[in-house]
Structure formats: C-alpha cells, structure tokens
Amino acid sequence: MPIDELPDVEAVLVTHNHYDHLDAGVYRALRDKVAVVAPAGMGQWMRRRGCTRVIELEWWQRVEIAGLRITLVPACHWSRRGIFDTNHALWGGYVVEAGGSSVYHSGDTAWFEGFAEIGRRFPDLDAAMLPIGGYEPAWFMEHYHLDPEQAGRAFLELGARHFIPMHWGTFQ
C-alpha cells in the first residue's frame, strides 16, 4: 500500500534495524507525519531520513501516544545494518495498552526466559503475537527465531489469552 493511502497513523513501532524489517524509503516518506518509537540507538538513523518525531526507548521504558501506553520489552535477537555496527542499537518487542486491553508483539526473537518476566509485568495480556518462521537450520537460527513448539511454550509463559502467530512462511 502506498504511504499516502494509509489511514491516519499515530505511531510506528520499530523492533530492530535489520534490512528485512526496516526500509529506509518508508521512513523518508513518513518523515514528520507520525511518531516513530524505536529501540535506543536507532534515533540518529531515523533523523537522517527526515523523521522528526523519534522516541527512543530502553527495555522496560514506556511512552504514551494518543491514549496508547507503549512499552519496549526485551527480546532475544540482535541488531546490525552495516559491517561495524553489530548490537550498537537495541532491539525488542512491545506491549501496547489502551482501554483496559493489552497486546504483546514480540518482534523477532528466539526462546528466552524473558517471556515469563513479560508475563509477570503484564499479567492480563489479551493477545501475544509471536513469530514462528525463519527457524531452520536450527543449529544457527534457534539463537534468533522461534520454531512453532517454542512459540507455543512462549505463549504459555506469557499467560496471554490469545495467540497470534506471525512470521509464518518466512523464506529460509
């Protein structure tokens, strides 16, 4: 969908800076039209592309935008856009709360004990969006992505009411 055809958007939530999740052209087009919430270390990249409403968060920090309470939560992943910037920016998922409802979006993640902590800090999650793709070959990818069984386990650790699988069908 072309950017100019999007309905009104209050904010864009960025999980990490990998090329398959962060397209520079999109942010050049968005510029100052929306707030961009991103993990710490990504603000300069966003501002160089013309984004003026950038909010960088550390894990467990939150911001309120248009009645939404947005918290950056940890994930088991990594960041890199160039040869020399591995893990110079943070990565994570988000819990978005509004009107007594809450939704968790994990971003890209592998299995980690943090799911239980997220569930403890947000005990009434209505839904958990968890990735179930890009997990083979396991010897390499299990450090970055969940397989279907691990995603089910993460869902149980989170204690959410509904499980929304995402990232399914991702190319290997």
Protein backbone atom coordinates (compact mmCIF):
# COMPACT_ATOMS: atom_id res chain seq x y z
CA MET A 1 0.00 0.00 0.00
CA PRO A 2 1.44 3.39 -0.88
CA ILE A 3 2.22 5.52 2.17
CA ASP A 4 -0.12 8.31 1.07
CA GLU A 5 -3.03 5.81 1.09
CA LEU A 6 -2.53 4.75 4.70
CA PRO A 7 -5.26 5.75 7.12
CA ASP A 8 -4.31 8.12 9.92
CA VAL A 9 -1.46 6.52 11.85
CA GLU A 10 -0.40 7.88 15.24
CA ALA A 11 2.86 5.95 15.59
CA VAL A 12 5.15 3.40 14.01
CA LEU A 13 6.79 0.88 16.34
CA VAL A 14 10.21 -0.35 15.22
CA THR A 15 11.50 -3.61 16.70
CA HIS A 16 15.03 -3.72 15.26
CA ASN A 17 17.15 -2.45 12.42
CA HIS A 18 17.62 -5.47 10.12
CA TYR A 19 17.02 -4.74 6.44
CA ASP A 20 14.05 -7.12 6.22
CA HIS A 21 12.26 -5.12 8.95
CA LEU A 22 13.41 -1.54 8.39
CA ASP A 23 13.14 0.04 4.94
CA ALA A 24 14.81 3.44 4.64
CA GLY A 25 12.41 4.58 1.90
CA VAL A 26 9.41 4.15 4.17
CA TYR A 27 10.91 6.44 6.79
CA ARG A 28 11.90 9.04 4.19
CA ALA A 29 8.26 9.08 3.10
CA LEU A 30 6.88 9.19 6.65
CA ARG A 31 9.25 11.93 7.79
CA ASP A 32 7.32 14.02 10.33
CA LYS A 33 3.86 12.54 9.66
CA VAL A 34 3.92 10.11 12.58
CA ALA A 35 5.79 9.47 15.80
CA VAL A 36 8.41 6.75 15.46
CA VAL A 37 9.03 4.65 18.58
CA ALA A 38 12.31 2.76 18.31
CA PRO A 39 14.80 0.94 20.50
CA ALA A 40 17.66 3.06 21.86
CA GLY A 41 20.44 3.69 19.37
CA MET A 42 18.21 3.99 16.31
CA GLY A 43 17.24 7.66 16.60
CA GLN A 44 20.12 9.07 14.59
CA TRP A 45 19.35 6.70 11.70
CA MET A 46 15.71 7.84 11.75
CA ARG A 47 16.55 11.53 11.95
CA ARG A 48 18.97 11.24 8.99
CA ARG A 49 15.97 10.08 6.96
CA GLY A 50 13.92 13.11 7.97
CA CYS A 51 11.93 11.69 10.88
CA THR A 52 11.47 14.47 13.42
CA ARG A 53 9.22 12.78 15.99
CA VAL A 54 11.53 9.98 17.15
CA ILE A 55 11.21 8.44 20.61
CA GLU A 56 13.98 6.04 21.64
CA LEU A 57 13.31 3.60 24.46
CA GLU A 58 15.40 1.28 26.59
CA TRP A 59 13.90 -2.07 27.65
CA TRP A 60 11.00 -1.57 30.08
CA GLN A 61 10.68 2.14 29.28
CA ARG A 62 7.29 3.37 28.11
CA VAL A 63 5.72 6.28 26.34
CA GLU A 64 2.13 7.42 25.87
CA ILE A 65 0.92 8.40 22.41
CA ALA A 66 -2.70 9.15 21.53
CA GLY A 67 -4.03 7.22 24.52
CA LEU A 68 -1.79 4.21 23.88
CA ARG A 69 0.71 3.15 26.54
CA ILE A 70 3.66 1.62 24.66
CA THR A 71 6.39 -0.30 26.49
CA LEU A 72 9.56 -1.65 24.84
CA VAL A 73 10.23 -5.13 26.21
CA PRO A 74 13.29 -7.38 25.78
CA ALA A 75 13.66 -9.96 23.03
CA CYS A 76 16.37 -12.50 22.26
CA HIS A 77 17.71 -11.19 18.97
CA TRP A 78 20.36 -8.70 17.77
CA SER A 79 20.84 -5.62 15.62
CA ARG A 80 23.03 -4.71 12.66
CA ARG A 81 22.78 -2.66 9.47
CA GLY A 82 26.42 -2.40 8.49
CA ILE A 83 29.71 -4.17 8.89
CA PHE A 84 30.81 -2.42 12.08
CA ASP A 85 27.58 -1.72 13.99
CA THR A 86 26.61 -5.09 15.46
CA ASN A 87 24.45 -4.51 18.55
CA HIS A 88 25.07 -0.74 18.59
CA ALA A 89 21.29 -0.31 18.70
CA LEU A 90 18.86 -2.12 20.95
CA TRP A 91 16.08 -4.45 19.73
CA GLY A 92 12.88 -5.67 21.32
CA GLY A 93 9.14 -6.18 21.27
CA TYR A 94 6.28 -4.04 22.51
CA VAL A 95 3.35 -4.23 24.87
CA VAL A 96 0.63 -1.79 23.84
CA GLU A 97 -2.09 -0.99 26.37
CA ALA A 98 -5.28 1.05 25.95
CA GLY A 99 -8.78 0.99 27.35
CA GLY A 100 -8.14 -1.98 29.63
CA SER A 101 -6.72 -4.14 26.81
CA SER A 102 -3.12 -5.12 26.17
CA VAL A 103 -1.32 -6.74 23.26
CA TYR A 104 2.23 -8.07 23.08
CA HIS A 105 4.21 -8.03 19.82
CA SER A 106 7.47 -9.90 20.29
CA GLY A 107 9.38 -8.62 17.28
CA ASP A 108 11.94 -11.14 16.07
CA THR A 109 13.02 -13.30 18.98
CA ALA A 110 14.37 -16.67 19.99
CA TRP A 111 13.34 -18.54 23.13
CA PHE A 112 14.49 -16.83 26.33
CA GLU A 113 13.46 -16.65 29.97
CA GLY A 114 12.20 -13.10 29.40
CA PHE A 115 8.78 -14.37 28.30
CA ALA A 116 7.96 -15.26 31.91
CA GLU A 117 9.09 -11.81 33.09
CA ILE A 118 6.97 -10.07 30.46
CA GLY A 119 4.01 -12.19 31.59
CA ARG A 120 4.65 -11.22 35.22
CA ARG A 121 4.87 -7.50 34.43
CA PHE A 122 1.82 -7.62 32.15
CA PRO A 123 -0.44 -10.27 33.72
CA ASP A 124 -3.56 -9.52 31.65
CA LEU A 125 -2.31 -9.77 28.07
CA ASP A 126 -5.22 -10.16 25.68
CA ALA A 127 -3.05 -11.39 22.83
CA ALA A 128 0.53 -12.36 22.09
CA MET A 129 1.89 -12.02 18.56
CA LEU A 130 4.78 -14.44 18.29
CA PRO A 131 6.94 -15.40 15.31
CA ILE A 132 7.03 -18.97 14.02
CA GLY A 133 9.20 -18.63 10.95
CA GLY A 134 12.80 -18.49 9.80
CA TYR A 135 13.90 -21.13 12.31
CA GLU A 136 15.83 -23.56 10.10
CA PRO A 137 18.56 -24.67 10.13
CA ALA A 138 18.07 -24.92 13.88
CA TRP A 139 21.79 -25.10 14.71
CA PHE A 140 22.06 -21.49 13.51
CA MET A 141 18.60 -19.91 13.64
CA GLU A 142 17.46 -21.10 17.09
CA HIS A 143 19.52 -18.26 18.56
CA TYR A 144 17.40 -15.65 16.71
CA HIS A 145 13.93 -17.06 15.93
CA LEU A 146 11.29 -19.33 17.49
CA ASP A 147 10.14 -22.59 16.00
CA PRO A 148 6.41 -23.45 16.36
CA GLU A 149 6.91 -25.51 19.54
CA GLN A 150 8.95 -22.76 21.21
CA ALA A 151 6.35 -20.16 20.20
CA GLY A 152 3.67 -22.27 21.91
CA ARG A 153 5.83 -22.51 25.01
CA ALA A 154 6.42 -18.73 24.97
CA PHE A 155 2.65 -18.17 24.71
CA LEU A 156 2.10 -20.29 27.82
CA GLU A 157 4.87 -18.44 29.70
CA LEU A 158 3.30 -15.10 28.79
CA GLY A 159 -0.13 -16.17 30.03
CA ALA A 160 -1.91 -14.30 27.21
CA ARG A 161 -5.49 -15.17 26.31
CA HIS A 162 -4.95 -15.39 22.54
CA PHE A 163 -2.02 -16.49 20.39
CA ILE A 164 -1.50 -14.74 17.05
CA PRO A 165 1.27 -16.47 15.05
CA MET A 166 3.29 -14.23 12.74
CA HIS A 167 6.36 -14.53 10.53
CA TRP A 168 4.97 -17.83 9.27
CA GLY A 169 6.10 -18.83 5.79
CA THR A 170 9.25 -16.74 6.04
CA PHE A 171 11.81 -17.86 3.48
CA GLN A 172 14.63 -19.99 4.82
